[in-house]
Amino acid sequence: MTVMKKVGILYHPMKEAAEPLAQKLEKFLTAKGVSAWVCSAWETEAARAKLNGTDLILSVGGDGTILRAAQIALPEPIPITGINLGNLGFMTELNVDEAQTKLAAILAGEGWLDERALLEAELSPTAGGGKPFDTTQGKPGKFSALNDVVVARGEIVRLIYVESNINGTPLATYKADGVIVATATGSTGYSLSAGGPVLNPQAEEMVMLPIMPHLSLAYPLVLPPTAVIKLVLKSTYPATLSIDGHINLPLSNGAIITVRRSSNTIRFLRIYPPDSFYGSLERRLKGKQ
C-alpha cells in the first residue's frame, strides 16, 4: 500500500461520540507523523476544500456517514475506511475499540482495496409538454449513488405510476409507492427492506424493484452492469427523487430518470479479509455490532 501522508476524518455531527473520536484519531495520526484534518461529513464543500493530497478518508459514524463521505470524495479515487458508531455498519470496517490498533496496521501498509460499483442517475426535462424538471441548479443534472436511486411518492399518501424500460425496451408500469434501483452495496439497505435480494458487495449487477406495488409487476430484477434503466414518472401527485437517501429532489409529472452503471467507482480500504462479509452477514442483519 502507498505510504499515508495525509488522512481526512469525516464525522457524523449528530452522534455525540463522533467528534471526540475524530479529534482523538487526529492526535493519534499527528503523533505518527501523518498530516490529518477533521470535518463534519455534513459540510460537503468545506470537506472538499481539504481533499487535495489526501491519501485516506476515515468515516466516523455509520453507513449514512460513509454515503456522505463517498459523495465528498468523488470523483477522486481516495479510499475510505469506516469506523462504526451506528447499528448495522455494512460498509464500515472497524469498531471503536479497535480503531487505533487497526489504523496503525493500515499506516504500516496492511490492508486491501475493495472497489465498489456506483450508479449514475441523469435527470432529464419532462416529456409530453409538462413542466420541466427543476433541480437546485435549474437544469438537468447527473448524480452518483453508492447505495441506490429511488423514485418515490411525496408527502401525499397516494400511489404513483412509474413507466420503466430496459435498454430502450418497455418493461412495465409500476403502480406503487416507488421504484428502487440499487447497487450490490445498496442491496443490504432500502432494497432489502422492500424485498430485494442480497448481492455480494463486490458484484457489478444492479437490482430494480418496486416499493409496495399494487396489481403490477412485484418481482425484483437483477440486471447486468450494461443495463440502462429509464424511469418516467406518470403521476399528478408530488414525487421525490432520492440519491443515497440524503440528496432529495422534487419530481413533477413526466420527469425522466435514466440510471446506468457509473464510470467511477468508490474504494474502501479494508483490513479484514474479503470473505468476512459472509461471516458477519447474519449478525449485521440482526442489528448486532
C-alpha atoms as a PDB file:
ATOM      1  CA  MET A   1       0.000   0.000   0.000  1.00  0.00           C
ATOM      2  CA  THR A   2       1.034   3.631  -0.557  1.00  0.00           C
ATOM      3  CA  VAL A   3       2.586   5.404   2.431  1.00  0.00           C
ATOM      4  CA  MET A   4      -0.060   7.525   4.110  1.00  0.00           C
ATOM      5  CA  LYS A   5       0.984  11.178   4.332  1.00  0.00           C
ATOM      6  CA  LYS A   6      -2.389  12.883   4.741  1.00  0.00           C
ATOM      7  CA  VAL A   7      -5.606  11.491   6.229  1.00  0.00           C
ATOM      8  CA  GLY A   8      -9.017  13.150   6.354  1.00  0.00           C
ATOM      9  CA  ILE A   9     -11.524  12.375   9.120  1.00  0.00           C
ATOM     10  CA  LEU A  10     -15.225  12.902   8.440  1.00  0.00           C
ATOM     11  CA  TYR A  11     -17.601  12.516  11.378  1.00  0.00           C
ATOM     12  CA  HIS A  12     -21.357  12.386  11.975  1.00  0.00           C
ATOM     13  CA  PRO A  13     -22.223  15.727  13.629  1.00  0.00           C
ATOM     14  CA  MET A  14     -25.340  14.406  15.369  1.00  0.00           C
ATOM     15  CA  LYS A  15     -23.701  11.452  17.112  1.00  0.00           C
ATOM     16  CA  GLU A  16     -22.333  12.577  20.448  1.00  0.00           C
ATOM     17  CA  ALA A  17     -19.299  10.286  20.389  1.00  0.00           C
ATOM     18  CA  ALA A  18     -18.299  11.001  16.779  1.00  0.00           C
ATOM     19  CA  GLU A  19     -16.471  14.340  17.008  1.00  0.00           C
ATOM     20  CA  PRO A  20     -14.476  13.449  20.168  1.00  0.00           C
ATOM     21  CA  LEU A  21     -13.357  10.218  18.483  1.00  0.00           C
ATOM     22  CA  ALA A  22     -12.430  12.142  15.327  1.00  0.00           C
ATOM     23  CA  GLN A  23     -10.310  14.547  17.393  1.00  0.00           C
ATOM     24  CA  LYS A  24      -8.679  11.616  19.200  1.00  0.00           C
ATOM     25  CA  LEU A  25      -7.795   9.966  15.879  1.00  0.00           C
ATOM     26  CA  GLU A  26      -6.378  13.251  14.580  1.00  0.00           C
ATOM     27  CA  LYS A  27      -3.998  13.401  17.560  1.00  0.00           C
ATOM     28  CA  PHE A  28      -3.083   9.747  17.065  1.00  0.00           C
ATOM     29  CA  LEU A  29      -2.230  10.357  13.406  1.00  0.00           C
ATOM     30  CA  THR A  30      -0.269  13.526  14.145  1.00  0.00           C
ATOM     31  CA  ALA A  31       1.795  11.617  16.714  1.00  0.00           C
ATOM     32  CA  LYS A  32       2.588   9.099  13.966  1.00  0.00           C
ATOM     33  CA  GLY A  33       3.862  11.899  11.710  1.00  0.00           C
ATOM     34  CA  VAL A  34       0.778  11.867   9.457  1.00  0.00           C
ATOM     35  CA  SER A  35      -0.953  15.106   8.489  1.00  0.00           C
ATOM     36  CA  ALA A  36      -4.656  14.972   9.381  1.00  0.00           C
ATOM     37  CA  TRP A  37      -7.753  17.123   9.025  1.00  0.00           C
ATOM     38  CA  VAL A  38     -11.208  16.846  10.612  1.00  0.00           C
ATOM     39  CA  CYS A  39     -14.578  17.962   9.241  1.00  0.00           C
ATOM     40  CA  SER A  40     -18.268  17.184   9.622  1.00  0.00           C
ATOM     41  CA  ALA A  41     -19.471  14.840   6.885  1.00  0.00           C
ATOM     42  CA  TRP A  42     -22.470  17.177   6.511  1.00  0.00           C
ATOM     43  CA  GLU A  43     -20.231  20.103   5.454  1.00  0.00           C
ATOM     44  CA  THR A  44     -19.662  18.935   1.899  1.00  0.00           C
ATOM     45  CA  GLU A  45     -17.939  21.973   0.392  1.00  0.00           C
ATOM     46  CA  ALA A  46     -15.722  22.576   3.433  1.00  0.00           C
ATOM     47  CA  ALA A  47     -14.582  18.943   3.320  1.00  0.00           C
ATOM     48  CA  ARG A  48     -13.930  19.010  -0.427  1.00  0.00           C
ATOM     49  CA  ALA A  49     -11.701  22.045   0.065  1.00  0.00           C
ATOM     50  CA  LYS A  50      -9.418  19.897   2.231  1.00  0.00           C
ATOM     51  CA  LEU A  51      -9.170  16.902  -0.109  1.00  0.00           C
ATOM     52  CA  ASN A  52      -6.072  17.862  -2.085  1.00  0.00           C
ATOM     53  CA  GLY A  53      -3.297  15.370  -1.349  1.00  0.00           C
ATOM     54  CA  THR A  54      -5.459  13.221   0.957  1.00  0.00           C
ATOM     55  CA  ASP A  55      -4.479   9.537   0.863  1.00  0.00           C
ATOM     56  CA  LEU A  56      -7.270   8.117   3.027  1.00  0.00           C
ATOM     57  CA  ILE A  57     -10.621   9.212   4.457  1.00  0.00           C
ATOM     58  CA  LEU A  58     -11.741   7.893   7.822  1.00  0.00           C
ATOM     59  CA  SER A  59     -15.512   7.955   8.236  1.00  0.00           C
ATOM     60  CA  VAL A  60     -16.655   8.099  11.865  1.00  0.00           C
ATOM     61  CA  GLY A  61     -20.338   7.221  12.198  1.00  0.00           C
ATOM     62  CA  GLY A  62     -22.340   4.589  10.352  1.00  0.00           C
ATOM     63  CA  ASP A  63     -23.269   3.682   6.799  1.00  0.00           C
ATOM     64  CA  GLY A  64     -25.004   7.033   6.302  1.00  0.00           C
ATOM     65  CA  THR A  65     -21.759   8.842   7.108  1.00  0.00           C
ATOM     66  CA  ILE A  66     -19.944   6.683   4.559  1.00  0.00           C
ATOM     67  CA  LEU A  67     -22.527   7.578   1.899  1.00  0.00           C
ATOM     68  CA  ARG A  68     -21.787  11.265   2.517  1.00  0.00           C
ATOM     69  CA  ALA A  69     -18.046  10.605   2.547  1.00  0.00           C
ATOM     70  CA  ALA A  70     -18.376   8.902  -0.840  1.00  0.00           C
ATOM     71  CA  GLN A  71     -20.162  11.952  -2.295  1.00  0.00           C
ATOM     72  CA  ILE A  72     -17.396  14.189  -0.937  1.00  0.00           C
ATOM     73  CA  ALA A  73     -14.587  12.034  -2.331  1.00  0.00           C
ATOM     74  CA  LEU A  74     -15.981  11.702  -5.865  1.00  0.00           C
ATOM     75  CA  PRO A  75     -14.576  11.673  -8.459  1.00  0.00           C
ATOM     76  CA  GLU A  76     -11.188  11.242  -6.732  1.00  0.00           C
ATOM     77  CA  PRO A  77     -10.181   7.603  -6.046  1.00  0.00           C
ATOM     78  CA  ILE A  78      -9.462   8.291  -2.361  1.00  0.00           C
ATOM     79  CA  PRO A  79     -10.135   5.142  -0.320  1.00  0.00           C
ATOM     80  CA  ILE A  80     -12.475   5.243   2.677  1.00  0.00           C
ATOM     81  CA  THR A  81     -12.260   3.289   5.933  1.00  0.00           C
ATOM     82  CA  GLY A  82     -15.367   3.374   8.109  1.00  0.00           C
ATOM     83  CA  ILE A  83     -15.411   3.314  11.912  1.00  0.00           C
ATOM     84  CA  ASN A  84     -18.814   2.188  13.115  1.00  0.00           C
ATOM     85  CA  LEU A  85     -20.850   4.146  15.644  1.00  0.00           C
ATOM     86  CA  GLY A  86     -24.138   3.064  14.094  1.00  0.00           C
ATOM     87  CA  ASN A  87     -26.267  -0.074  14.233  1.00  0.00           C
ATOM     88  CA  LEU A  88     -25.657  -2.143  11.091  1.00  0.00           C
ATOM     89  CA  GLY A  89     -22.448  -0.841   9.602  1.00  0.00           C
ATOM     90  CA  PHE A  90     -22.458  -2.971   6.445  1.00  0.00           C
ATOM     91  CA  MET A  91     -19.920  -0.643   4.824  1.00  0.00           C
ATOM     92  CA  THR A  92     -17.887   0.191   7.919  1.00  0.00           C
ATOM     93  CA  GLU A  93     -14.736  -1.773   8.703  1.00  0.00           C
ATOM     94  CA  LEU A  94     -13.740  -1.066  12.303  1.00  0.00           C
ATOM     95  CA  ASN A  95     -15.441  -0.713  15.653  1.00  0.00           C
ATOM     96  CA  VAL A  96     -14.470   1.985  18.142  1.00  0.00           C
ATOM     97  CA  ASP A  97     -12.412  -0.282  20.400  1.00  0.00           C
ATOM     98  CA  GLU A  98     -10.074  -1.408  17.644  1.00  0.00           C
ATOM     99  CA  ALA A  99      -9.877   1.848  15.672  1.00  0.00           C
ATOM    100  CA  GLN A 100      -6.404   2.941  16.745  1.00  0.00           C
ATOM    101  CA  THR A 101      -4.853  -0.544  16.625  1.00  0.00           C
ATOM    102  CA  LYS A 102      -6.143  -1.329  13.153  1.00  0.00           C
ATOM    103  CA  LEU A 103      -5.372   2.186  11.937  1.00  0.00           C
ATOM    104  CA  ALA A 104      -1.742   1.636  12.956  1.00  0.00           C
ATOM    105  CA  ALA A 105      -1.739  -1.543  10.833  1.00  0.00           C
ATOM    106  CA  ILE A 106      -3.178   0.368   7.881  1.00  0.00           C
ATOM    107  CA  LEU A 107      -0.499   3.048   8.244  1.00  0.00           C
ATOM    108  CA  ALA A 108       2.088   0.252   8.252  1.00  0.00           C
ATOM    109  CA  GLY A 109       0.906  -0.811   4.797  1.00  0.00           C
ATOM    110  CA  GLU A 110      -1.532  -3.580   5.630  1.00  0.00           C
ATOM    111  CA  GLY A 111      -4.980  -3.807   4.069  1.00  0.00           C
ATOM    112  CA  TRP A 112      -6.527  -4.239   0.645  1.00  0.00           C
ATOM    113  CA  LEU A 113      -8.688  -2.150  -1.691  1.00  0.00           C
ATOM    114  CA  ASP A 114     -12.350  -3.074  -2.046  1.00  0.00           C
ATOM    115  CA  GLU A 115     -13.714  -1.415  -5.202  1.00  0.00           C
ATOM    116  CA  ARG A 116     -17.473  -0.856  -5.386  1.00  0.00           C
ATOM    117  CA  ALA A 117     -19.741  -0.040  -8.318  1.00  0.00           C
ATOM    118  CA  LEU A 118     -21.681   3.222  -8.461  1.00  0.00           C
ATOM    119  CA  LEU A 119     -24.868   4.235 -10.227  1.00  0.00           C
ATOM    120  CA  GLU A 120     -25.231   7.353 -12.338  1.00  0.00           C
ATOM    121  CA  ALA A 121     -28.681   8.951 -12.349  1.00  0.00           C
ATOM    122  CA  GLU A 122     -29.411  11.531 -15.023  1.00  0.00           C
ATOM    123  CA  LEU A 123     -32.410  13.834 -14.762  1.00  0.00           C
ATOM    124  CA  SER A 124     -33.999  14.991 -17.993  1.00  0.00           C
ATOM    125  CA  PRO A 125     -36.711  17.577 -18.704  1.00  0.00           C
ATOM    126  CA  THR A 126     -40.254  16.258 -18.732  1.00  0.00           C
ATOM    127  CA  ALA A 127     -41.750  14.612 -21.763  1.00  0.00           C
ATOM    128  CA  GLY A 128     -45.153  15.409 -23.211  1.00  0.00           C
ATOM    129  CA  GLY A 129     -45.174  19.140 -22.614  1.00  0.00           C
ATOM    130  CA  GLY A 130     -45.304  19.067 -18.825  1.00  0.00           C
ATOM    131  CA  LYS A 131     -43.408  21.419 -16.556  1.00  0.00           C
ATOM    132  CA  PRO A 132     -39.634  20.987 -16.792  1.00  0.00           C
ATOM    133  CA  PHE A 133     -37.845  19.205 -14.003  1.00  0.00           C
ATOM    134  CA  ASP A 134     -36.438  21.736 -11.558  1.00  0.00           C
ATOM    135  CA  THR A 135     -33.111  20.837  -9.956  1.00  0.00           C
ATOM    136  CA  THR A 136     -31.331  23.057  -7.465  1.00  0.00           C
ATOM    137  CA  GLN A 137     -29.262  24.379 -10.361  1.00  0.00           C
ATOM    138  CA  GLY A 138     -32.361  24.944 -12.514  1.00  0.00           C
ATOM    139  CA  LYS A 139     -31.204  22.491 -15.182  1.00  0.00           C
ATOM    140  CA  PRO A 140     -30.949  18.742 -15.740  1.00  0.00           C
ATOM    141  CA  GLY A 141     -28.168  17.120 -13.738  1.00  0.00           C
ATOM    142  CA  LYS A 142     -26.278  13.927 -13.015  1.00  0.00           C
ATOM    143  CA  PHE A 143     -25.795  12.300  -9.639  1.00  0.00           C
ATOM    144  CA  SER A 144     -23.756   9.348  -8.403  1.00  0.00           C
ATOM    145  CA  ALA A 145     -25.139   6.815  -5.942  1.00  0.00           C
ATOM    146  CA  LEU A 146     -23.226   4.232  -3.938  1.00  0.00           C
ATOM    147  CA  ASN A 147     -26.383   2.661  -2.477  1.00  0.00           C
ATOM    148  CA  ASP A 148     -29.467   3.441  -4.507  1.00  0.00           C
ATOM    149  CA  VAL A 149     -31.566   5.709  -6.694  1.00  0.00           C
ATOM    150  CA  VAL A 150     -35.204   5.871  -5.589  1.00  0.00           C
ATOM    151  CA  VAL A 151     -38.242   7.395  -7.279  1.00  0.00           C
ATOM    152  CA  ALA A 152     -40.934   7.559  -4.603  1.00  0.00           C
ATOM    153  CA  ARG A 153     -44.206   9.224  -3.695  1.00  0.00           C
ATOM    154  CA  GLY A 154     -44.066  12.550  -1.912  1.00  0.00           C
ATOM    155  CA  GLU A 155     -45.941  13.753   1.163  1.00  0.00           C
ATOM    156  CA  ILE A 156     -49.374  12.837  -0.223  1.00  0.00           C
ATOM    157  CA  VAL A 157     -50.115   9.190   0.559  1.00  0.00           C
ATOM    158  CA  ARG A 158     -51.004   8.113  -2.959  1.00  0.00           C
ATOM    159  CA  LEU A 159     -49.532   5.507  -5.259  1.00  0.00           C
ATOM    160  CA  ILE A 160     -47.538   6.807  -8.186  1.00  0.00           C
ATOM    161  CA  TYR A 161     -47.161   5.377 -11.681  1.00  0.00           C
ATOM    162  CA  VAL A 162     -43.632   4.844 -12.956  1.00  0.00           C
ATOM    163  CA  GLU A 163     -43.035   3.634 -16.506  1.00  0.00           C
ATOM    164  CA  SER A 164     -39.856   1.583 -16.870  1.00  0.00           C
ATOM    165  CA  ASN A 165     -37.818   0.319 -19.769  1.00  0.00           C
ATOM    166  CA  ILE A 166     -34.511  -1.504 -20.037  1.00  0.00           C
ATOM    167  CA  ASN A 167     -32.129  -0.697 -22.897  1.00  0.00           C
ATOM    168  CA  GLY A 168     -34.981   1.008 -24.742  1.00  0.00           C
ATOM    169  CA  THR A 169     -37.420  -1.904 -24.374  1.00  0.00           C
ATOM    170  CA  PRO A 170     -40.579  -1.252 -22.321  1.00  0.00           C
ATOM    171  CA  LEU A 171     -40.761  -3.406 -19.192  1.00  0.00           C
ATOM    172  CA  ALA A 172     -43.708  -2.396 -17.011  1.00  0.00           C
ATOM    173  CA  THR A 173     -45.617   0.464 -15.483  1.00  0.00           C
ATOM    174  CA  TYR A 174     -45.236   0.200 -11.730  1.00  0.00           C
ATOM    175  CA  LYS A 175     -48.192   1.296  -9.624  1.00  0.00           C
ATOM    176  CA  ALA A 176     -46.509   1.546  -6.255  1.00  0.00           C
ATOM    177  CA  ASP A 177     -45.076   3.745  -3.536  1.00  0.00           C
ATOM    178  CA  GLY A 178     -41.967   3.952  -5.691  1.00  0.00           C
ATOM    179  CA  VAL A 179     -39.171   2.142  -7.519  1.00  0.00           C
ATOM    180  CA  ILE A 180     -35.671   1.384  -6.225  1.00  0.00           C
ATOM    181  CA  VAL A 181     -32.562   0.847  -8.342  1.00  0.00           C
ATOM    182  CA  ALA A 182     -29.744  -0.368  -6.112  1.00  0.00           C
ATOM    183  CA  THR A 183     -26.113  -1.351  -6.427  1.00  0.00           C
ATOM    184  CA  ALA A 184     -24.779  -4.536  -4.867  1.00  0.00           C
ATOM    185  CA  THR A 185     -23.608  -2.356  -1.984  1.00  0.00           C
ATOM    186  CA  GLY A 186     -27.133  -0.975  -1.604  1.00  0.00           C
ATOM    187  CA  SER A 187     -28.732  -4.420  -1.760  1.00  0.00           C
ATOM    188  CA  THR A 188     -28.478  -4.655   2.039  1.00  0.00           C
ATOM    189  CA  GLY A 189     -30.195  -1.274   2.526  1.00  0.00           C
ATOM    190  CA  TYR A 190     -33.603   0.029   1.456  1.00  0.00           C
ATOM    191  CA  SER A 191     -33.740  -2.554  -1.332  1.00  0.00           C
ATOM    192  CA  LEU A 192     -33.523  -5.394   1.197  1.00  0.00           C
ATOM    193  CA  SER A 193     -36.325  -3.944   3.330  1.00  0.00           C
ATOM    194  CA  ALA A 194     -38.511  -3.784   0.204  1.00  0.00           C
ATOM    195  CA  GLY A 195     -37.943  -7.482  -0.512  1.00  0.00           C
ATOM    196  CA  GLY A 196     -34.855  -7.385  -2.733  1.00  0.00           C
ATOM    197  CA  PRO A 197     -32.043  -9.976  -2.742  1.00  0.00           C
ATOM    198  CA  VAL A 198     -28.664  -9.600  -1.043  1.00  0.00           C
ATOM    199  CA  LEU A 199     -25.808  -9.439  -3.560  1.00  0.00           C
ATOM    200  CA  ASN A 200     -22.130  -9.873  -2.858  1.00  0.00           C
ATOM    201  CA  PRO A 201     -20.988  -6.250  -2.306  1.00  0.00           C
ATOM    202  CA  GLN A 202     -18.319  -6.541  -4.991  1.00  0.00           C
ATOM    203  CA  ALA A 203     -20.815  -7.653  -7.650  1.00  0.00           C
ATOM    204  CA  GLU A 204     -21.374  -5.300 -10.580  1.00  0.00           C
ATOM    205  CA  GLU A 205     -25.048  -6.165 -11.113  1.00  0.00           C
ATOM    206  CA  MET A 206     -27.928  -3.822 -10.247  1.00  0.00           C
ATOM    207  CA  VAL A 207     -31.237  -4.580  -8.542  1.00  0.00           C
ATOM    208  CA  MET A 208     -34.523  -2.932  -9.561  1.00  0.00           C
ATOM    209  CA  LEU A 209     -37.721  -3.438  -7.574  1.00  0.00           C
ATOM    210  CA  PRO A 210     -40.953  -1.657  -6.683  1.00  0.00           C
ATOM    211  CA  ILE A 211     -41.914  -0.412  -3.218  1.00  0.00           C
ATOM    212  CA  MET A 212     -45.292  -1.823  -2.082  1.00  0.00           C
ATOM    213  CA  PRO A 213     -46.634  -2.495  -5.610  1.00  0.00           C
ATOM    214  CA  HIS A 214     -50.375  -2.742  -6.231  1.00  0.00           C
ATOM    215  CA  LEU A 215     -51.576  -5.003  -9.058  1.00  0.00           C
ATOM    216  CA  SER A 216     -48.368  -4.506 -11.051  1.00  0.00           C
ATOM    217  CA  LEU A 217     -45.006  -6.225 -11.527  1.00  0.00           C
ATOM    218  CA  ALA A 218     -43.943  -7.154  -7.993  1.00  0.00           C
ATOM    219  CA  TYR A 219     -40.702  -9.040  -8.522  1.00  0.00           C
ATOM    220  CA  PRO A 220     -37.177  -7.719  -8.022  1.00  0.00           C
ATOM    221  CA  LEU A 221     -34.965  -7.875 -11.096  1.00  0.00           C
ATOM    222  CA  VAL A 222     -31.200  -8.407 -11.091  1.00  0.00           C
ATOM    223  CA  LEU A 223     -29.780  -6.574 -14.096  1.00  0.00           C
ATOM    224  CA  PRO A 224     -26.330  -6.705 -15.706  1.00  0.00           C
ATOM    225  CA  PRO A 225     -23.919  -3.765 -15.364  1.00  0.00           C
ATOM    226  CA  THR A 226     -24.514  -2.869 -19.030  1.00  0.00           C
ATOM    227  CA  ALA A 227     -28.241  -2.224 -18.473  1.00  0.00           C
ATOM    228  CA  VAL A 228     -29.629   1.282 -18.992  1.00  0.00           C
ATOM    229  CA  ILE A 229     -32.806   1.851 -16.996  1.00  0.00           C
ATOM    230  CA  LYS A 230     -35.248   4.628 -17.825  1.00  0.00           C
ATOM    231  CA  LEU A 231     -37.949   5.563 -15.328  1.00  0.00           C
ATOM    232  CA  VAL A 232     -40.688   8.004 -16.310  1.00  0.00           C
ATOM    233  CA  LEU A 233     -42.974   9.471 -13.662  1.00  0.00           C
ATOM    234  CA  LYS A 234     -46.647   9.420 -14.657  1.00  0.00           C
ATOM    235  CA  SER A 235     -48.380  10.971 -11.698  1.00  0.00           C
ATOM    236  CA  THR A 236     -50.271  14.146 -10.892  1.00  0.00           C
ATOM    237  CA  TYR A 237     -49.228  13.736  -7.260  1.00  0.00           C
ATOM    238  CA  PRO A 238     -45.865  15.005  -5.981  1.00  0.00           C
ATOM    239  CA  ALA A 239     -42.949  12.593  -6.029  1.00  0.00           C
ATOM    240  CA  THR A 240     -39.327  12.596  -4.939  1.00  0.00           C
ATOM    241  CA  LEU A 241     -36.001  11.521  -6.379  1.00  0.00           C
ATOM    242  CA  SER A 242     -33.687  10.286  -3.637  1.00  0.00           C
ATOM    243  CA  ILE A 243     -29.973   9.665  -4.156  1.00  0.00           C
ATOM    244  CA  ASP A 244     -28.436   7.565  -1.368  1.00  0.00           C
ATOM    245  CA  GLY A 245     -31.150   8.794   0.980  1.00  0.00           C
ATOM    246  CA  HIS A 246     -29.691  12.249   1.583  1.00  0.00           C
ATOM    247  CA  ILE A 247     -29.970  14.048  -1.761  1.00  0.00           C
ATOM    248  CA  ASN A 248     -33.712  14.536  -2.233  1.00  0.00           C
ATOM    249  CA  LEU A 249     -35.327  16.473  -5.060  1.00  0.00           C
ATOM    250  CA  PRO A 250     -38.972  17.026  -6.033  1.00  0.00           C
ATOM    251  CA  LEU A 251     -40.251  15.420  -9.220  1.00  0.00           C
ATOM    252  CA  SER A 252     -43.161  16.538 -11.363  1.00  0.00           C
ATOM    253  CA  ASN A 253     -45.283  14.567 -13.800  1.00  0.00           C
ATOM    254  CA  GLY A 254     -43.278  13.444 -16.834  1.00  0.00           C
ATOM    255  CA  ALA A 255     -39.849  13.616 -15.183  1.00  0.00           C
ATOM    256  CA  ILE A 256     -37.391  11.156 -16.710  1.00  0.00           C
ATOM    257  CA  ILE A 257     -34.666   9.467 -14.685  1.00  0.00           C
ATOM    258  CA  THR A 258     -32.046   7.429 -16.554  1.00  0.00           C
ATOM    259  CA  VAL A 259     -29.943   5.110 -14.415  1.00  0.00           C
ATOM    260  CA  ARG A 260     -26.818   3.279 -15.517  1.00  0.00           C
ATOM    261  CA  ARG A 261     -23.549   1.970 -14.129  1.00  0.00           C
ATOM    262  CA  SER A 262     -21.193   4.881 -13.462  1.00  0.00           C
ATOM    263  CA  SER A 263     -17.712   5.030 -14.952  1.00  0.00           C
ATOM    264  CA  ASN A 264     -16.491   5.984 -11.464  1.00  0.00           C
ATOM    265  CA  THR A 265     -16.101   3.636  -8.508  1.00  0.00           C
ATOM    266  CA  ILE A 266     -15.685   4.008  -4.756  1.00  0.00           C
ATOM    267  CA  ARG A 267     -12.778   2.384  -2.965  1.00  0.00           C
ATOM    268  CA  PHE A 268     -12.749   1.116   0.592  1.00  0.00           C
ATOM    269  CA  LEU A 269      -9.513   0.311   2.372  1.00  0.00           C
ATOM    270  CA  ARG A 270     -10.118  -2.905   4.295  1.00  0.00           C
ATOM    271  CA  ILE A 271      -8.129  -4.696   6.946  1.00  0.00           C
ATOM    272  CA  TYR A 272     -10.311  -7.795   7.299  1.00  0.00           C
ATOM    273  CA  PRO A 273     -10.353 -10.492   4.557  1.00  0.00           C
ATOM    274  CA  PRO A 274     -12.951 -10.319   1.755  1.00  0.00           C
ATOM    275  CA  ASP A 275     -14.956 -13.319   2.973  1.00  0.00           C
ATOM    276  CA  SER A 276     -15.662 -11.601   6.304  1.00  0.00           C
ATOM    277  CA  PHE A 277     -18.820 -10.225   4.630  1.00  0.00           C
ATOM    278  CA  TYR A 278     -20.427 -13.661   4.817  1.00  0.00           C
ATOM    279  CA  GLY A 279     -19.273 -14.289   8.361  1.00  0.00           C
ATOM    280  CA  SER A 280     -20.861 -11.059   9.600  1.00  0.00           C
ATOM    281  CA  LEU A 281     -23.985 -11.013   7.393  1.00  0.00           C
ATOM    282  CA  GLU A 282     -26.453 -12.641   9.796  1.00  0.00           C
ATOM    283  CA  ARG A 283     -25.070 -10.716  12.773  1.00  0.00           C
ATOM    284  CA  ARG A 284     -25.429  -7.383  10.974  1.00  0.00           C
ATOM    285  CA  LEU A 285     -28.917  -8.207   9.701  1.00  0.00           C
ATOM    286  CA  LYS A 286     -29.926  -8.795  13.306  1.00  0.00           C
ATOM    287  CA  GLY A 287     -28.569  -5.347  14.222  1.00  0.00           C
ATOM    288  CA  LYS A 288     -25.626  -6.609  16.238  1.00  0.00           C
ATOM    289  CA  GLN A 289     -22.221  -4.909  16.240  1.00  0.00           C
END
